[in-house]
Protein backbone atom coordinates (compact mmCIF):
# COMPACT_ATOMS: atom_id res chain seq x y z
CA MET A 1 -17.71 224.80 -72.77
CA GLY A 2 -19.04 224.64 -76.29
CA PRO A 3 -18.70 222.49 -79.39
CA ASP A 4 -17.53 225.48 -81.38
CA ASP A 5 -14.80 223.96 -83.52
CA ASP A 6 -16.44 221.08 -85.38
CA GLU A 7 -15.45 221.00 -89.04
CA SER A 8 -19.04 220.61 -90.19
CA GLU A 9 -19.83 223.99 -88.63
CA ARG A 10 -17.37 225.62 -90.98
CA ARG A 11 -18.16 223.69 -94.11
CA LYS A 12 -21.84 222.73 -93.64
CA ILE A 13 -21.24 219.21 -94.95
CA ASP A 14 -22.24 215.62 -94.27
CA PRO A 15 -25.87 216.16 -93.21
CA GLY A 16 -28.14 213.23 -92.51
CA LEU A 17 -25.81 210.91 -90.64
CA VAL A 18 -27.59 208.86 -88.04
CA ALA A 19 -26.65 209.56 -84.43
CA GLN A 20 -24.66 206.73 -82.97
CA HIS A 21 -25.38 204.98 -79.70
CA TYR A 22 -23.01 206.11 -76.96
CA GLU A 23 -21.99 204.89 -73.58
CA CYS A 24 -20.14 206.17 -70.57
CA ASP A 25 -16.82 204.42 -70.30
CA GLU A 26 -14.34 205.23 -67.57
CA ASP A 27 -11.54 204.45 -70.02
CA HIS A 28 -12.45 207.63 -71.91
CA GLY A 29 -11.26 209.58 -68.90
CA GLU A 30 -7.65 208.41 -68.99
CA GLY A 31 -5.18 211.27 -68.96
CA ARG A 32 -7.72 213.94 -68.02
CA SER A 33 -7.96 216.02 -64.93
CA PRO A 34 -10.90 215.12 -62.64
CA PRO A 35 -12.86 218.37 -63.29
CA THR A 36 -12.79 218.05 -67.08
CA ARG A 37 -13.47 214.31 -66.92
CA GLU A 38 -16.56 215.04 -64.84
CA ALA A 39 -17.69 217.82 -67.19
CA ASP A 40 -17.24 215.54 -70.20
CA ALA A 41 -19.39 212.85 -68.58
CA ASP A 42 -22.04 215.43 -67.62
CA MET A 43 -22.58 216.18 -71.30
CA ARG A 44 -21.76 212.84 -72.91
CA CYS A 45 -24.01 210.92 -70.53
CA CYS A 46 -26.69 213.53 -69.90
CA PRO A 47 -30.28 212.36 -69.27
CA GLN A 48 -31.67 213.93 -72.46
CA GLY A 49 -29.02 212.37 -74.71
CA ILE A 50 -26.33 214.14 -76.73
CA HIS A 51 -28.61 215.09 -79.62
CA ASP A 52 -31.15 216.94 -77.48
CA PHE A 53 -28.36 218.45 -75.37
CA LEU A 54 -26.77 219.94 -78.48
CA ARG A 55 -30.11 221.13 -79.83
CA ALA A 56 -30.80 223.06 -76.63
CA TYR A 57 -27.20 224.32 -76.43
CA TYR A 58 -27.16 225.71 -79.96
CA HIS A 59 -30.61 227.25 -79.52
CA HIS A 60 -29.72 228.87 -76.19
CA LYS A 61 -26.67 230.65 -77.67
CA SER A 62 -28.33 231.70 -80.93
CA ALA A 63 -30.42 234.67 -81.96
CA ASP A 64 -33.43 232.35 -81.84
CA TRP A 65 -33.31 232.63 -78.04
CA LYS A 66 -34.85 236.07 -77.77
CA ALA A 67 -33.32 236.87 -74.37
CA ASN A 68 -29.90 237.19 -76.01
CA ALA A 69 -29.52 240.97 -76.00
CA PRO A 70 -25.85 241.55 -75.10
CA TYR A 71 -24.26 244.80 -73.98
CA PRO A 72 -20.83 245.77 -72.61
CA LEU A 73 -20.20 244.87 -68.99
CA LYS A 74 -18.67 247.50 -66.74
CA SER A 75 -16.03 245.36 -65.03
CA TRP A 76 -14.72 241.87 -64.31
CA SER A 77 -16.70 241.68 -61.07
CA ALA A 78 -19.18 239.19 -59.64
CA SER A 79 -22.08 241.61 -59.87
CA GLU A 80 -21.42 242.33 -63.54
CA LEU A 81 -20.62 238.74 -64.54
CA ALA A 82 -23.90 237.67 -62.94
CA LYS A 83 -25.63 239.47 -65.81
CA LEU A 84 -24.32 236.91 -68.30
CA PRO A 85 -26.71 234.15 -69.43
CA THR A 86 -26.56 230.83 -67.62
CA TYR A 87 -24.70 229.16 -70.50
CA TYR A 88 -21.73 231.29 -69.44
CA VAL A 89 -22.32 231.52 -65.69
CA MET A 90 -24.24 228.44 -64.61
CA ASP A 91 -26.35 228.15 -61.50
CA PHE A 92 -24.34 226.52 -58.73
CA ALA A 93 -26.20 223.20 -58.62
CA LYS A 94 -26.55 222.67 -62.39
CA ASP A 95 -24.17 221.35 -65.00
CA MET A 96 -24.25 222.48 -68.64
CA ALA A 97 -26.69 219.79 -69.80
CA ALA A 98 -29.18 220.66 -67.06
CA THR A 99 -28.73 224.36 -67.74
CA VAL A 100 -29.60 224.27 -71.42
CA ALA A 101 -32.34 221.66 -70.98
CA GLU A 102 -34.52 224.43 -69.55
CA GLU A 103 -34.28 226.26 -72.91
CA MET A 104 -35.02 223.32 -75.20
CA PRO A 105 -36.87 224.67 -78.24
CA SER A 106 -40.30 223.34 -79.12
CA ALA A 107 -40.90 220.78 -81.85
CA ALA A 108 -42.26 223.58 -84.04
CA GLU A 109 -39.17 225.72 -83.48
CA ILE A 110 -36.90 222.79 -84.34
CA ALA A 111 -38.84 222.04 -87.52
CA ALA A 112 -38.62 225.71 -88.55
CA ASN A 113 -34.87 225.95 -87.98
CA GLN A 114 -33.13 226.54 -91.31
CA TRP A 115 -29.57 227.13 -90.11
CA LEU A 116 -29.18 223.85 -88.16
CA PRO A 117 -31.77 221.27 -89.23
CA ASP A 118 -31.91 217.95 -87.42
CA SER A 119 -30.22 216.21 -90.35
CA GLU A 120 -27.08 218.30 -89.80
CA LEU A 121 -27.31 218.21 -86.03
CA SER A 122 -27.32 214.40 -86.27
CA PHE A 123 -23.80 214.55 -87.67
CA TYR A 124 -22.68 216.64 -84.69
CA SER A 125 -24.31 214.38 -82.15
CA ALA A 126 -22.85 211.27 -83.77
CA GLU A 127 -19.35 212.74 -83.73
CA TYR A 128 -19.53 213.92 -80.13
CA ALA A 129 -20.93 210.54 -79.10
CA ARG A 130 -17.84 209.02 -80.70
CA THR A 131 -15.20 211.47 -79.41
CA GLY A 132 -16.68 213.05 -76.29
CA PHE A 133 -16.18 216.71 -75.46
CA GLN A 134 -12.68 216.51 -74.02
CA GLY A 135 -11.03 218.40 -76.86
CA GLY A 136 -13.06 221.52 -76.16
CA LEU A 137 -12.60 221.15 -72.43
CA GLN A 138 -8.84 221.02 -72.89
CA TRP A 139 -8.98 224.51 -74.41
CA TYR A 140 -10.58 225.82 -71.25
CA ARG A 141 -8.03 224.02 -69.09
CA CYS A 142 -5.21 225.64 -71.04
CA GLY A 143 -6.83 229.05 -70.73
CA THR A 144 -7.52 228.90 -67.00
CA SER A 145 -4.79 226.76 -65.45
CA GLY A 146 -2.02 229.38 -65.78
CA VAL A 147 0.41 226.79 -67.11
CA PHE A 148 0.86 228.55 -70.44
CA VAL A 149 0.87 232.14 -69.19
CA PRO A 150 4.69 232.55 -69.40
CA GLU A 151 4.68 231.48 -73.07
CA LEU A 152 1.79 233.78 -73.92
CA GLN A 153 3.50 236.68 -72.20
CA THR A 154 6.20 236.45 -74.85
CA TRP A 155 3.82 238.48 -77.01
CA SER A 156 2.72 240.92 -74.34
CA GLY A 157 2.37 244.42 -75.74
CA ARG A 158 2.64 243.32 -79.37
CA THR A 159 0.02 244.39 -81.91
CA ILE A 160 -1.53 242.74 -84.95
CA ASP A 161 -0.33 244.90 -87.81
CA VAL A 162 -1.78 243.16 -90.86
CA PRO A 163 -5.22 244.08 -92.23
CA SER A 164 -7.89 242.51 -90.04
CA CYS A 165 -11.64 242.09 -89.87
CA PHE A 166 -13.95 241.07 -87.02
CA ILE A 167 -17.35 239.46 -87.65
CA SER A 168 -19.67 238.37 -84.87
CA GLY A 169 -23.36 238.03 -84.16
CA GLU A 170 -25.11 241.06 -82.69
CA GLN A 171 -26.91 238.68 -80.34
CA ASP A 172 -23.69 236.93 -79.29
CA TRP A 173 -22.77 237.50 -75.65
CA GLY A 174 -19.28 236.21 -76.43
CA THR A 175 -18.35 239.63 -77.81
CA HIS A 176 -18.83 241.21 -74.38
CA GLN A 177 -18.06 238.19 -72.19
CA ARG A 178 -14.77 239.69 -71.04
CA PRO A 179 -15.24 243.39 -70.28
CA GLY A 180 -13.06 245.69 -72.36
CA VAL A 181 -11.59 243.03 -74.65
CA PHE A 182 -13.73 243.91 -77.68
CA GLU A 183 -12.87 247.58 -77.33
CA ALA A 184 -9.16 246.85 -76.85
CA MET A 185 -9.13 244.76 -80.02
CA ARG A 186 -10.59 247.63 -82.02
CA THR A 187 -8.50 250.45 -80.58
CA LYS A 188 -5.20 248.85 -79.57
CA ALA A 189 -4.51 245.26 -80.57
CA CYS A 190 -5.37 245.51 -84.28
CA THR A 191 -3.68 248.52 -85.82
CA ARG A 192 -5.11 247.96 -89.31
CA MET A 193 -8.68 246.85 -88.68
CA ILE A 194 -10.64 247.62 -91.82
CA GLY A 195 -13.87 245.86 -90.89
CA CYS A 196 -15.75 245.29 -87.66
CA HIS A 197 -19.27 243.93 -87.97
CA LEU A 198 -21.95 242.73 -85.54
CA VAL A 199 -24.46 240.90 -87.71
CA ASP A 200 -28.08 241.23 -86.68
CA GLY A 201 -30.08 238.02 -86.49
CA ALA A 202 -27.08 235.98 -85.36
CA GLY A 203 -25.89 234.82 -81.98
CA HIS A 204 -22.79 232.75 -81.27
CA TRP A 205 -23.03 230.80 -84.54
CA VAL A 206 -22.85 233.74 -86.94
CA GLN A 207 -21.48 231.80 -89.93
CA GLN A 208 -24.36 229.31 -89.63
CA GLU A 209 -27.18 231.65 -88.67
CA GLN A 210 -26.37 234.26 -91.32
CA PRO A 211 -24.07 232.55 -93.87
CA GLU A 212 -24.91 234.84 -96.79
CA GLU A 213 -24.12 238.00 -94.83
CA VAL A 214 -20.89 236.55 -93.44
CA SER A 215 -19.80 235.54 -96.95
CA ARG A 216 -20.60 239.02 -98.24
CA LEU A 217 -18.56 240.65 -95.50
CA LEU A 218 -15.60 238.34 -96.08
CA VAL A 219 -15.60 239.13 -99.80
CA GLN A 220 -15.93 242.82 -98.96
CA PHE A 221 -12.91 242.55 -96.66
CA LEU A 222 -10.78 240.77 -99.26
CA GLN A 223 -11.75 243.24 -101.96
CA GLY A 224 -10.87 246.09 -99.62
CA LEU A 225 -7.31 244.94 -98.96
CA ASP A 226 -5.91 246.94 -101.86
CA CYS A 227 -7.68 250.01 -100.54
CA ALA A 228 -6.32 249.34 -97.06
CA GLU A 229 -2.80 249.15 -98.41
CA ALA A 230 -3.22 252.65 -99.81
CA VAL A 231 -4.40 254.18 -96.53
CA THR A 232 -1.81 253.86 -93.80
CA GLY A 233 -3.02 253.74 -90.23
CA ASN A 234 -6.78 253.68 -90.92
CA MET A 235 -8.60 251.72 -88.22
CA GLY A 236 -12.19 252.16 -89.39
CA CYS A 237 -14.70 249.98 -87.57
CA GLY A 238 -18.36 249.96 -88.47
CA SER A 239 -21.54 247.90 -88.35
CA ILE A 240 -23.49 246.63 -91.32
CA ALA A 241 -25.45 249.85 -91.33
CA ASN A 242 -22.27 251.93 -90.88
CA PRO A 243 -19.44 250.02 -92.57
CA CYS A 244 -15.77 250.82 -92.45
CA PRO A 245 -14.96 253.74 -94.77
CA LEU A 246 -12.57 251.54 -96.69
CA SER A 247 -15.18 248.92 -97.54
């Protein structure tokens, strides 16, 4: 589970808010399934506090954690999935807060962090102290429970036929978390992909870790739409060093 959808991540606004005091309240669990309620409490009420939990979590999944060197997995098998970092496949006896606590950056590393200074992280920690993590956990419930599979199968076999662009961090394991999905997106699902970029120096938080490069690539994509319209069926996909021929 990850706090990947906070608005401040997208807009980089409201830094400097003071983290609010939080408490574990059983009433927050109303309407949740027991597993997600437990997972929410593991993070909301973790020993290190929400702020330090988030600091370690963001560090662990970023390019700052030097062990993030992803590569395609061969199959959806236990032996291959075991190669994923512990923030994706946790040790049996540890929850997420305990997992990332082992990778807490040093005070010097925190002070040197330019893409998520403590003033901005304080806004995140205050908001998650207020709301909990249930919203993100619900996404995982929907994706793993099977309840929504029949609705999703309505679109089985369909392709995305408008111009598309994919931008991710080169040090982001999320790109290869599900074997074959990245490749299927490039070769099958998106029939008019005119940009596919893995940005070096960025992990899971590419738009925060490398905002200038992401902005440049987005502008490049938008400026290339007219060119894409003129070339039917082109599915160029390149890196920063080897960009799409249309860009």
